[in-house]
Amino acid sequence: MKLRYFTVLALFVVGSFFSCESDGSAELLQGSWKAMAMDQNGEIKDYTNRDVWFKFNPDGTYEYSTNNSYRESGKYRMRAKVLYTTDTISGGRIEKAVRLAVINNDSIHFEMNSKGVAQTLLLSRTK
């Protein structure tokens, strides 16, 4: 009886894990996105005139660029509502993580932490 209980419990835990992986967020993430605003501790900064772009490809690769000539490119993965990226242009980079507070057909909100300061980057789909 105990063996059956533990088997059912193990299947439930494994099933829950995989259901979190396939909530549709990865498919919604794919495409090109432009930063529209940054909320930093309640102070909103307009980014509509800045060239801050992300592109997420179906093959698990991404590109990130800004108007100050910063470029990043590499691999990404998702787990539930957390996006993990690893820049492969610059050697020795570690994986970064941001929480997807909002993700739908036309908007993404990246919740991040920069040197202990809470930030939310608001993005809009371009294509």
Protein backbone atom coordinates (compact mmCIF):
# COMPACT_ATOMS: atom_id res chain seq x y z
CA MET A 1 0.00 0.00 0.00
CA LYS A 2 2.82 2.43 0.89
CA LEU A 3 4.55 1.64 -2.40
CA ARG A 4 1.40 2.50 -4.35
CA TYR A 5 1.02 5.76 -2.39
CA PHE A 6 4.63 6.81 -3.12
CA THR A 7 4.27 5.83 -6.80
CA VAL A 8 1.14 7.99 -7.17
CA LEU A 9 2.83 10.85 -5.29
CA ALA A 10 5.93 10.61 -7.50
CA LEU A 11 3.81 10.66 -10.67
CA PHE A 12 1.91 13.69 -9.40
CA VAL A 13 5.13 15.60 -8.66
CA VAL A 14 6.68 14.75 -12.03
CA GLY A 15 3.45 15.63 -13.84
CA SER A 16 3.25 18.96 -12.04
CA PHE A 17 6.83 19.75 -13.01
CA PHE A 18 6.22 19.12 -16.70
CA SER A 19 2.93 21.00 -16.74
CA CYS A 20 4.78 24.09 -15.51
CA GLU A 21 7.20 23.74 -18.38
CA SER A 22 4.49 23.84 -21.04
CA ASP A 23 2.24 26.71 -19.98
CA GLY A 24 2.56 28.35 -23.41
CA SER A 25 4.91 31.12 -22.27
CA ALA A 26 7.79 29.91 -24.46
CA GLU A 27 5.65 30.14 -27.59
CA LEU A 28 4.38 33.61 -26.63
CA LEU A 29 7.96 34.77 -26.06
CA GLN A 30 9.07 33.97 -29.62
CA GLY A 31 9.35 36.98 -31.90
CA SER A 32 10.73 40.53 -31.82
CA TRP A 33 10.15 42.90 -28.90
CA LYS A 34 10.90 46.59 -28.29
CA ALA A 35 11.33 48.13 -24.85
CA MET A 36 8.73 50.83 -24.21
CA ALA A 37 9.37 51.80 -20.58
CA MET A 38 11.37 50.96 -17.46
CA ASP A 39 9.85 51.06 -13.99
CA GLN A 40 12.63 51.46 -11.44
CA ASN A 41 11.35 51.62 -7.85
CA GLY A 42 8.14 53.28 -9.03
CA GLU A 43 9.84 55.81 -11.30
CA ILE A 44 8.76 55.24 -14.93
CA LYS A 45 11.29 56.04 -17.65
CA ASP A 46 10.07 56.34 -21.25
CA TYR A 47 12.00 54.05 -23.61
CA THR A 48 9.94 54.64 -26.78
CA ASN A 49 12.73 56.74 -28.35
CA ARG A 50 15.47 54.29 -27.36
CA ASP A 51 16.52 51.36 -29.49
CA VAL A 52 16.30 48.51 -27.00
CA TRP A 53 15.35 45.28 -28.76
CA PHE A 54 14.99 41.58 -28.00
CA LYS A 55 14.44 38.75 -30.45
CA PHE A 56 13.61 35.22 -29.28
CA ASN A 57 13.84 32.46 -31.88
CA PRO A 58 12.04 29.08 -31.84
CA ASP A 59 15.42 27.26 -31.77
CA GLY A 60 16.19 28.60 -28.27
CA THR A 61 18.49 31.44 -29.34
CA TYR A 62 18.05 35.13 -28.62
CA GLU A 63 19.47 38.53 -29.53
CA TYR A 64 19.51 41.70 -27.44
CA SER A 65 20.74 45.11 -28.54
CA THR A 66 20.61 48.71 -27.37
CA ASN A 67 21.22 52.09 -28.97
CA ASN A 68 24.48 52.46 -27.06
CA SER A 69 25.95 49.65 -29.18
CA TYR A 70 25.59 46.95 -26.54
CA ARG A 71 24.87 43.57 -28.10
CA GLU A 72 24.19 40.21 -26.58
CA SER A 73 23.32 36.92 -28.22
CA GLY A 74 23.08 33.38 -27.02
CA LYS A 75 20.74 30.72 -25.74
CA TYR A 76 17.59 31.00 -23.67
CA ARG A 77 15.32 28.62 -21.83
CA MET A 78 12.15 28.98 -19.83
CA ARG A 79 10.97 27.31 -16.69
CA ALA A 80 7.47 28.29 -15.65
CA LYS A 81 7.52 32.12 -15.71
CA VAL A 82 11.30 32.52 -15.42
CA LEU A 83 13.43 33.30 -18.46
CA TYR A 84 17.08 32.18 -18.34
CA THR A 85 19.59 33.61 -20.83
CA THR A 86 23.26 32.89 -21.43
CA ASP A 87 25.27 35.31 -23.57
CA THR A 88 27.60 33.36 -25.86
CA ILE A 89 29.19 36.39 -27.58
CA SER A 90 31.23 37.32 -24.51
CA GLY A 91 33.15 34.46 -22.99
CA GLY A 92 32.79 33.55 -19.34
CA ARG A 93 29.25 34.87 -18.89
CA ILE A 94 26.97 33.19 -16.38
CA GLU A 95 23.29 32.48 -16.85
CA LYS A 96 20.93 35.35 -15.97
CA ALA A 97 17.30 35.06 -14.94
CA VAL A 98 14.31 37.41 -15.12
CA ARG A 99 10.75 36.79 -14.03
CA LEU A 100 8.02 37.23 -16.61
CA ALA A 101 5.42 39.15 -14.59
CA VAL A 102 3.26 39.58 -17.71
CA ILE A 103 3.44 37.68 -20.98
CA ASN A 104 0.74 37.76 -23.64
CA ASN A 105 0.44 38.23 -27.40
CA ASP A 106 1.58 41.86 -27.39
CA SER A 107 3.32 42.57 -24.04
CA ILE A 108 6.04 41.25 -21.79
CA HIS A 109 7.11 42.63 -18.42
CA PHE A 110 10.57 41.51 -17.28
CA GLU A 111 11.00 41.79 -13.50
CA MET A 112 14.69 42.16 -12.68
CA ASN A 113 17.13 43.21 -10.00
CA SER A 114 20.05 45.47 -10.83
CA LYS A 115 22.47 45.96 -7.95
CA GLY A 116 19.63 45.58 -5.45
CA VAL A 117 17.24 47.92 -7.28
CA ALA A 118 13.93 46.44 -8.46
CA GLN A 119 13.25 47.06 -12.15
CA THR A 120 10.47 46.12 -14.55
CA LEU A 121 11.16 46.44 -18.27
CA LEU A 122 7.96 46.79 -20.33
CA LEU A 123 8.20 45.42 -23.88
CA SER A 124 5.84 45.45 -26.85
CA ARG A 125 5.77 42.96 -29.74
CA THR A 126 6.96 44.39 -33.05
CA LYS A 127 6.38 41.51 -35.49
